Amino acid sequence: MAISDDNLCPNLPFSLPNSYGSVVLGGTFDRLHDGHRQFLKAAAVVARDRVVVGVCDGPMLAKKKYANLIEPIEQRMKHIEDYIKSVKPGIIVQAEPIVDPYGPSIDDENLEAIIVSCLVTARKHFLVDYLLIRRGQRGAFPS
């Protein structure tokens, strides 16, 4: 399942609030803007207990334009945690640096959904398939 805004992602099904115990998403989240907030809010809405956010650091930033201007990782993680808690105060937020595209999604067996933007969904299909193979749980996440 995916959370969907009919105007942005007309062909995706909609996930109801609190559909999943723990969800994961990732990104750079430099200078939190409205697009980031919508993405993080979507994760908070569908998560019942916990939102895990992989925040790009180190080698994940190497090819970014203006990488030297990206906010420090601690600041980005704090902004993420503060925002998600403002949307859903009782939820557990686990923001952590990631240095590869997979982060905690490979090892955390309690994750029930991967939140991706519909704008990058096609690119993420490979990532999701790879994660499922690495975890030995092909079919663990709904398509």
N, C-alpha and C. Protein backbone atom coordinates (compact mmCIF):
# COMPACT_ATOMS: atom_id res chain seq x y z
N MET A 1 0.83 -1.18 0.00
CA MET A 1 0.00 0.00 0.00
C MET A 1 0.88 1.24 0.00
N ALA A 2 0.31 2.32 -0.45
CA ALA A 2 1.02 3.59 -0.45
C ALA A 2 0.06 4.67 0.00
N ILE A 3 0.60 5.66 0.67
CA ILE A 3 -0.25 6.81 0.95
C ILE A 3 -0.26 7.63 -0.32
N SER A 4 -1.40 8.16 -0.68
CA SER A 4 -1.51 8.80 -1.98
C SER A 4 -2.35 10.06 -1.91
N ASP A 5 -1.93 11.06 -2.65
CA ASP A 5 -2.72 12.25 -2.89
C ASP A 5 -3.20 12.11 -4.33
N ASP A 6 -4.50 12.06 -4.54
CA ASP A 6 -5.04 11.80 -5.87
C ASP A 6 -4.49 12.73 -6.94
N ASN A 7 -4.15 13.96 -6.58
CA ASN A 7 -3.62 14.88 -7.57
C ASN A 7 -2.18 14.57 -7.94
N LEU A 8 -1.42 14.05 -7.00
CA LEU A 8 -0.01 13.77 -7.26
C LEU A 8 0.22 12.36 -7.74
N CYS A 9 -0.48 11.40 -7.20
CA CYS A 9 -0.26 9.98 -7.48
C CYS A 9 -1.60 9.30 -7.77
N PRO A 10 -2.21 9.59 -8.90
CA PRO A 10 -3.57 9.09 -9.14
C PRO A 10 -3.70 7.58 -9.24
N ASN A 11 -2.62 6.84 -9.51
CA ASN A 11 -2.73 5.40 -9.69
C ASN A 11 -2.33 4.58 -8.48
N LEU A 12 -2.06 5.23 -7.36
CA LEU A 12 -1.64 4.51 -6.16
C LEU A 12 -2.79 4.38 -5.18
N PRO A 13 -2.88 3.23 -4.50
CA PRO A 13 -3.91 3.07 -3.47
C PRO A 13 -3.57 3.93 -2.26
N PHE A 14 -4.54 4.14 -1.42
CA PHE A 14 -4.38 5.00 -0.25
C PHE A 14 -4.29 4.15 1.01
N SER A 15 -3.32 4.45 1.88
CA SER A 15 -3.21 3.76 3.16
C SER A 15 -3.93 4.58 4.23
N LEU A 16 -4.68 3.89 5.05
CA LEU A 16 -5.40 4.56 6.13
C LEU A 16 -4.45 4.96 7.25
N PRO A 17 -4.84 5.97 8.04
CA PRO A 17 -4.00 6.34 9.20
C PRO A 17 -3.76 5.14 10.11
N ASN A 18 -2.59 5.11 10.69
CA ASN A 18 -2.19 4.07 11.65
C ASN A 18 -2.22 2.66 11.06
N SER A 19 -1.96 2.54 9.76
CA SER A 19 -2.00 1.24 9.08
C SER A 19 -0.83 0.34 9.43
N TYR A 20 0.31 0.92 9.79
CA TYR A 20 1.54 0.14 10.00
C TYR A 20 2.15 0.50 11.35
N GLY A 21 2.67 -0.50 12.04
CA GLY A 21 3.34 -0.25 13.32
C GLY A 21 4.56 0.63 13.16
N SER A 22 5.46 0.24 12.26
CA SER A 22 6.71 0.98 12.02
C SER A 22 6.92 1.17 10.53
N VAL A 23 7.31 2.37 10.14
CA VAL A 23 7.58 2.68 8.74
C VAL A 23 8.98 3.28 8.62
N VAL A 24 9.52 3.25 7.42
CA VAL A 24 10.85 3.80 7.17
C VAL A 24 10.81 4.66 5.91
N LEU A 25 11.61 5.70 5.93
CA LEU A 25 11.82 6.54 4.76
C LEU A 25 13.21 7.12 4.85
N GLY A 26 13.67 7.72 3.78
CA GLY A 26 15.00 8.28 3.81
C GLY A 26 15.14 9.46 2.88
N GLY A 27 16.19 10.23 3.10
CA GLY A 27 16.48 11.38 2.28
C GLY A 27 17.56 12.23 2.91
N THR A 28 17.89 13.33 2.25
CA THR A 28 18.89 14.24 2.76
C THR A 28 18.27 15.21 3.77
N PHE A 29 17.07 15.67 3.49
CA PHE A 29 16.32 16.56 4.38
C PHE A 29 17.11 17.79 4.78
N ASP A 30 17.77 18.41 3.79
CA ASP A 30 18.51 19.64 4.04
C ASP A 30 17.55 20.82 3.97
N ARG A 31 17.57 21.65 4.96
CA ARG A 31 16.71 22.83 5.03
C ARG A 31 15.25 22.43 4.79
N LEU A 32 14.67 21.83 5.80
CA LEU A 32 13.32 21.28 5.74
C LEU A 32 12.35 22.25 5.07
N HIS A 33 11.73 21.80 3.99
CA HIS A 33 10.78 22.63 3.24
C HIS A 33 9.44 21.91 3.14
N ASP A 34 8.47 22.51 2.47
CA ASP A 34 7.12 21.94 2.41
C ASP A 34 7.08 20.54 1.83
N GLY A 35 7.89 20.26 0.82
CA GLY A 35 7.94 18.91 0.25
C GLY A 35 8.42 17.89 1.27
N HIS A 36 9.46 18.25 2.02
CA HIS A 36 9.94 17.36 3.09
C HIS A 36 8.84 17.15 4.13
N ARG A 37 8.19 18.25 4.52
CA ARG A 37 7.16 18.14 5.56
C ARG A 37 6.00 17.25 5.10
N GLN A 38 5.60 17.34 3.85
CA GLN A 38 4.54 16.47 3.34
C GLN A 38 4.97 15.01 3.39
N PHE A 39 6.19 14.75 3.01
CA PHE A 39 6.75 13.40 3.00
C PHE A 39 6.80 12.83 4.42
N LEU A 40 7.32 13.61 5.35
CA LEU A 40 7.41 13.18 6.75
C LEU A 40 6.03 13.03 7.38
N LYS A 41 5.13 13.92 7.04
CA LYS A 41 3.77 13.83 7.58
C LYS A 41 3.07 12.57 7.07
N ALA A 42 3.27 12.23 5.80
CA ALA A 42 2.68 11.01 5.25
C ALA A 42 3.15 9.79 6.04
N ALA A 43 4.42 9.77 6.39
CA ALA A 43 4.96 8.66 7.19
C ALA A 43 4.33 8.64 8.57
N ALA A 44 4.23 9.81 9.20
CA ALA A 44 3.66 9.88 10.55
C ALA A 44 2.20 9.46 10.56
N VAL A 45 1.46 9.82 9.54
CA VAL A 45 0.03 9.50 9.48
C VAL A 45 -0.20 7.99 9.39
N VAL A 46 0.56 7.30 8.57
CA VAL A 46 0.32 5.86 8.40
C VAL A 46 0.98 5.01 9.47
N ALA A 47 1.91 5.58 10.23
CA ALA A 47 2.60 4.83 11.29
C ALA A 47 1.80 4.88 12.58
N ARG A 48 1.72 3.74 13.22
CA ARG A 48 1.03 3.64 14.51
C ARG A 48 1.98 3.94 15.67
N ASP A 49 3.20 3.39 15.60
CA ASP A 49 4.11 3.44 16.73
C ASP A 49 5.43 4.16 16.48
N ARG A 50 6.00 3.97 15.27
CA ARG A 50 7.38 4.43 15.07
C ARG A 50 7.62 4.82 13.62
N VAL A 51 8.38 5.90 13.45
CA VAL A 51 8.85 6.34 12.14
C VAL A 51 10.38 6.32 12.18
N VAL A 52 10.98 5.56 11.27
CA VAL A 52 12.44 5.48 11.15
C VAL A 52 12.83 6.30 9.93
N VAL A 53 13.73 7.25 10.13
CA VAL A 53 14.15 8.13 9.03
C VAL A 53 15.66 8.01 8.85
N GLY A 54 16.06 7.50 7.69
CA GLY A 54 17.47 7.47 7.33
C GLY A 54 17.84 8.81 6.73
N VAL A 55 18.85 9.46 7.30
CA VAL A 55 19.25 10.79 6.86
C VAL A 55 20.64 10.67 6.22
N CYS A 56 20.72 11.01 4.94
CA CYS A 56 21.95 10.85 4.18
C CYS A 56 23.11 11.61 4.80
N ASP A 57 24.27 10.92 4.85
CA ASP A 57 25.47 11.51 5.40
C ASP A 57 26.68 10.90 4.68
N GLY A 58 27.84 11.50 4.87
CA GLY A 58 29.09 10.97 4.34
C GLY A 58 29.04 10.72 2.85
N PRO A 59 29.31 9.46 2.44
CA PRO A 59 29.38 9.14 1.00
C PRO A 59 28.06 9.38 0.26
N MET A 60 26.95 9.40 0.98
CA MET A 60 25.66 9.64 0.33
C MET A 60 25.54 11.10 -0.14
N LEU A 61 26.38 11.97 0.38
CA LEU A 61 26.35 13.39 0.01
C LEU A 61 27.42 13.76 -1.00
N ALA A 62 28.35 12.84 -1.26
CA ALA A 62 29.53 13.15 -2.06
C ALA A 62 29.20 13.72 -3.44
N LYS A 63 28.17 13.23 -4.09
CA LYS A 63 27.85 13.67 -5.45
C LYS A 63 26.80 14.78 -5.49
N LYS A 64 26.36 15.23 -4.33
CA LYS A 64 25.36 16.28 -4.26
C LYS A 64 25.98 17.62 -4.64
N LYS A 65 25.23 18.36 -5.42
CA LYS A 65 25.66 19.71 -5.76
C LYS A 65 25.63 20.54 -4.48
N TYR A 66 26.66 21.30 -4.25
CA TYR A 66 26.77 22.15 -3.06
C TYR A 66 26.76 21.35 -1.77
N ALA A 67 27.34 20.16 -1.79
CA ALA A 67 27.39 19.30 -0.60
C ALA A 67 28.00 20.02 0.59
N ASN A 68 28.93 20.92 0.33
CA ASN A 68 29.58 21.64 1.43
C ASN A 68 28.63 22.61 2.14
N LEU A 69 27.48 22.89 1.55
CA LEU A 69 26.52 23.81 2.16
C LEU A 69 25.39 23.10 2.90
N ILE A 70 25.39 21.77 2.85
CA ILE A 70 24.32 21.01 3.52
C ILE A 70 24.47 21.14 5.03
N GLU A 71 23.33 21.32 5.68
CA GLU A 71 23.33 21.46 7.14
C GLU A 71 23.97 20.25 7.80
N PRO A 72 24.54 20.42 8.99
CA PRO A 72 25.13 19.28 9.71
C PRO A 72 24.07 18.21 9.99
N ILE A 73 24.49 16.96 10.01
CA ILE A 73 23.58 15.83 10.20
C ILE A 73 22.77 15.95 11.48
N GLU A 74 23.39 16.39 12.57
CA GLU A 74 22.67 16.51 13.85
C GLU A 74 21.52 17.49 13.74
N GLN A 75 21.75 18.59 13.04
CA GLN A 75 20.72 19.62 12.87
C GLN A 75 19.56 19.09 12.01
N ARG A 76 19.89 18.39 10.92
CA ARG A 76 18.84 17.83 10.06
C ARG A 76 18.01 16.79 10.81
N MET A 77 18.68 15.93 11.59
CA MET A 77 17.94 14.91 12.35
C MET A 77 17.04 15.55 13.41
N LYS A 78 17.51 16.61 14.05
CA LYS A 78 16.70 17.31 15.06
C LYS A 78 15.47 17.93 14.42
N HIS A 79 15.64 18.57 13.26
CA HIS A 79 14.50 19.18 12.56
C HIS A 79 13.46 18.13 12.18
N ILE A 80 13.93 16.97 11.73
CA ILE A 80 13.03 15.87 11.36
C ILE A 80 12.25 15.40 12.58
N GLU A 81 12.97 15.13 13.65
CA GLU A 81 12.32 14.64 14.87
C GLU A 81 11.31 15.66 15.41
N ASP A 82 11.71 16.92 15.46
CA ASP A 82 10.81 17.96 15.96
C ASP A 82 9.55 18.07 15.10
N TYR A 83 9.73 18.01 13.78
CA TYR A 83 8.56 18.13 12.91
C TYR A 83 7.61 16.95 13.07
N ILE A 84 8.12 15.73 13.02
CA ILE A 84 7.26 14.56 13.13
C ILE A 84 6.52 14.57 14.47
N LYS A 85 7.22 14.93 15.53
CA LYS A 85 6.57 14.98 16.86
C LYS A 85 5.52 16.08 16.92
N SER A 86 5.66 17.13 16.12
CA SER A 86 4.64 18.19 16.09
C SER A 86 3.38 17.71 15.37
N VAL A 87 3.57 16.77 14.45
CA VAL A 87 2.44 16.21 13.71
C VAL A 87 1.74 15.12 14.53
N LYS A 88 2.55 14.29 15.20
CA LYS A 88 2.02 13.15 15.95
C LYS A 88 2.85 13.00 17.24
N PRO A 89 2.47 13.73 18.28
CA PRO A 89 3.29 13.82 19.49
C PRO A 89 3.67 12.50 20.15
N GLY A 90 2.85 11.50 20.13
CA GLY A 90 3.15 10.27 20.86
C GLY A 90 4.01 9.27 20.11
N ILE A 91 4.38 9.57 18.88
CA ILE A 91 5.09 8.58 18.06
C ILE A 91 6.58 8.56 18.38
N ILE A 92 7.20 7.41 18.22
CA ILE A 92 8.64 7.27 18.36
C ILE A 92 9.28 7.65 17.04
N VAL A 93 10.24 8.56 17.09
CA VAL A 93 10.96 8.97 15.89
C VAL A 93 12.40 8.52 16.05
N GLN A 94 12.86 7.75 15.08
CA GLN A 94 14.24 7.24 15.08
C GLN A 94 14.92 7.79 13.83
N ALA A 95 15.55 8.95 13.96
CA ALA A 95 16.30 9.53 12.85
C ALA A 95 17.76 9.13 13.03
N GLU A 96 18.34 8.59 11.97
CA GLU A 96 19.73 8.15 12.06
C GLU A 96 20.47 8.38 10.76
N PRO A 97 21.77 8.65 10.84
CA PRO A 97 22.55 8.85 9.63
C PRO A 97 22.63 7.56 8.82
N ILE A 98 22.60 7.70 7.51
CA ILE A 98 22.82 6.54 6.64
C ILE A 98 23.95 6.88 5.66
N VAL A 99 24.75 5.88 5.36
CA VAL A 99 25.88 6.07 4.45
C VAL A 99 25.75 5.17 3.22
N ASP A 100 24.59 4.52 3.08
CA ASP A 100 24.27 3.73 1.88
C ASP A 100 22.77 3.88 1.64
N PRO A 101 22.27 3.48 0.47
CA PRO A 101 20.86 3.71 0.17
C PRO A 101 19.88 2.89 1.01
N TYR A 102 20.37 1.95 1.79
CA TYR A 102 19.48 1.02 2.47
C TYR A 102 19.27 1.34 3.95
N GLY A 103 20.29 1.86 4.60
CA GLY A 103 20.17 2.24 6.00
C GLY A 103 19.60 1.12 6.86
N PRO A 104 18.73 1.47 7.81
CA PRO A 104 18.21 0.47 8.74
C PRO A 104 17.16 -0.47 8.13
N SER A 105 16.75 -0.19 6.91
CA SER A 105 15.67 -1.00 6.32
C SER A 105 16.07 -2.44 6.05
N ILE A 106 17.35 -2.72 5.98
CA ILE A 106 17.81 -4.10 5.76
C ILE A 106 17.73 -4.92 7.05
N ASP A 107 18.09 -4.30 8.15
CA ASP A 107 18.24 -5.05 9.40
C ASP A 107 17.05 -4.99 10.34
N ASP A 108 16.25 -3.96 10.25
CA ASP A 108 15.14 -3.77 11.19
C ASP A 108 13.93 -4.60 10.75
N GLU A 109 13.74 -5.73 11.39
CA GLU A 109 12.67 -6.65 10.99
C GLU A 109 11.28 -6.19 11.40
N ASN A 110 11.19 -5.12 12.18
CA ASN A 110 9.89 -4.62 12.61
C ASN A 110 9.30 -3.59 11.66
N LEU A 111 10.04 -3.24 10.61
CA LEU A 111 9.52 -2.28 9.64
C LEU A 111 8.46 -2.95 8.77
N GLU A 112 7.33 -2.30 8.65
CA GLU A 112 6.21 -2.88 7.90
C GLU A 112 5.96 -2.18 6.57
N ALA A 113 6.52 -0.97 6.38
CA ALA A 113 6.29 -0.25 5.13
C ALA A 113 7.45 0.68 4.85
N ILE A 114 7.74 0.84 3.57
CA ILE A 114 8.71 1.82 3.11
C ILE A 114 7.90 2.96 2.48
N ILE A 115 8.14 4.17 2.95
CA ILE A 115 7.44 5.34 2.42
C ILE A 115 8.33 5.96 1.34
N VAL A 116 7.80 6.07 0.13
CA VAL A 116 8.54 6.71 -0.96
C VAL A 116 7.65 7.74 -1.62
N SER A 117 8.27 8.73 -2.18
CA SER A 117 7.54 9.76 -2.91
C SER A 117 7.10 9.17 -4.25
N CYS A 118 5.90 9.51 -4.69
CA CYS A 118 5.45 9.00 -5.99
C CYS A 118 6.31 9.54 -7.12
N LEU A 119 7.02 10.62 -6.87
CA LEU A 119 7.88 11.20 -7.91
C LEU A 119 9.11 10.35 -8.16
N VAL A 120 9.46 9.48 -7.21
CA VAL A 120 10.65 8.63 -7.39
C VAL A 120 10.30 7.16 -7.29
N THR A 121 9.03 6.81 -7.38
CA THR A 121 8.60 5.43 -7.19
C THR A 121 9.28 4.46 -8.16
N ALA A 122 9.38 4.81 -9.44
CA ALA A 122 9.98 3.90 -10.41
C ALA A 122 11.43 3.59 -10.03
N ARG A 123 12.16 4.58 -9.60
CA ARG A 123 13.55 4.40 -9.20
C ARG A 123 13.64 3.54 -7.95
N LYS A 124 12.65 3.60 -7.09
CA LYS A 124 12.69 2.89 -5.81
C LYS A 124 12.34 1.40 -5.96
N HIS A 125 11.71 0.99 -7.06
CA HIS A 125 11.34 -0.42 -7.20
C HIS A 125 12.57 -1.31 -7.07
N PHE A 126 13.68 -0.91 -7.70
CA PHE A 126 14.91 -1.69 -7.58
C PHE A 126 15.34 -1.77 -6.13
N LEU A 127 15.31 -0.64 -5.44
CA LEU A 127 15.72 -0.59 -4.04
C LEU A 127 14.87 -1.52 -3.19
N VAL A 128 13.56 -1.49 -3.35
CA VAL A 128 12.67 -2.33 -2.56
C VAL A 128 12.95 -3.81 -2.85
N ASP A 129 13.08 -4.17 -4.12
CA ASP A 129 13.40 -5.57 -4.46
C ASP A 129 14.72 -6.00 -3.83
N TYR A 130 15.72 -5.14 -3.88
CA TYR A 130 17.02 -5.46 -3.30
C TYR A 130 16.90 -5.66 -1.79
N LEU A 131 16.17 -4.78 -1.14
CA LEU A 131 15.99 -4.90 0.31
C LEU A 131 15.32 -6.21 0.68
N LEU A 132 14.31 -6.59 -0.07
CA LEU A 132 13.58 -7.82 0.23
C LEU A 132 14.47 -9.03 0.04
N ILE A 133 15.29 -9.02 -0.99
CA ILE A 133 16.21 -10.12 -1.21
C ILE A 133 17.23 -10.19 -0.08
N ARG A 134 17.81 -9.04 0.29
CA ARG A 134 18.81 -9.00 1.37
C ARG A 134 18.22 -9.46 2.69
N ARG A 135 16.96 -9.13 2.94
CA ARG A 135 16.33 -9.52 4.20
C ARG A 135 15.78 -10.93 4.13
N GLY A 136 15.77 -11.52 2.92
CA GLY A 136 15.25 -12.86 2.78
C GLY A 136 13.74 -12.92 2.95
N GLN A 137 13.07 -11.82 2.66
CA GLN A 137 11.63 -11.74 2.88
C GLN A 137 10.92 -11.22 1.64
N ARG A 138 11.25 -11.76 0.51
CA ARG A 138 10.58 -11.31 -0.71
C ARG A 138 9.08 -11.34 -0.48
N GLY A 139 8.42 -10.27 -0.79
CA GLY A 139 6.98 -10.19 -0.56
C GLY A 139 6.62 -9.65 0.82
N ALA A 140 7.62 -9.23 1.60
CA ALA A 140 7.34 -8.73 2.95
C ALA A 140 6.64 -7.39 2.91
N PHE A 141 6.90 -6.59 1.89
CA PHE A 141 6.24 -5.30 1.76
C PHE A 141 5.24 -5.38 0.61
N PRO A 142 4.04 -4.86 0.79
CA PRO A 142 3.08 -4.86 -0.30
C PRO A 142 3.56 -3.97 -1.45
N SER A 143 3.17 -4.31 -2.66
CA SER A 143 3.60 -3.49 -3.79
C SER A 143 2.58 -2.42 -4.10
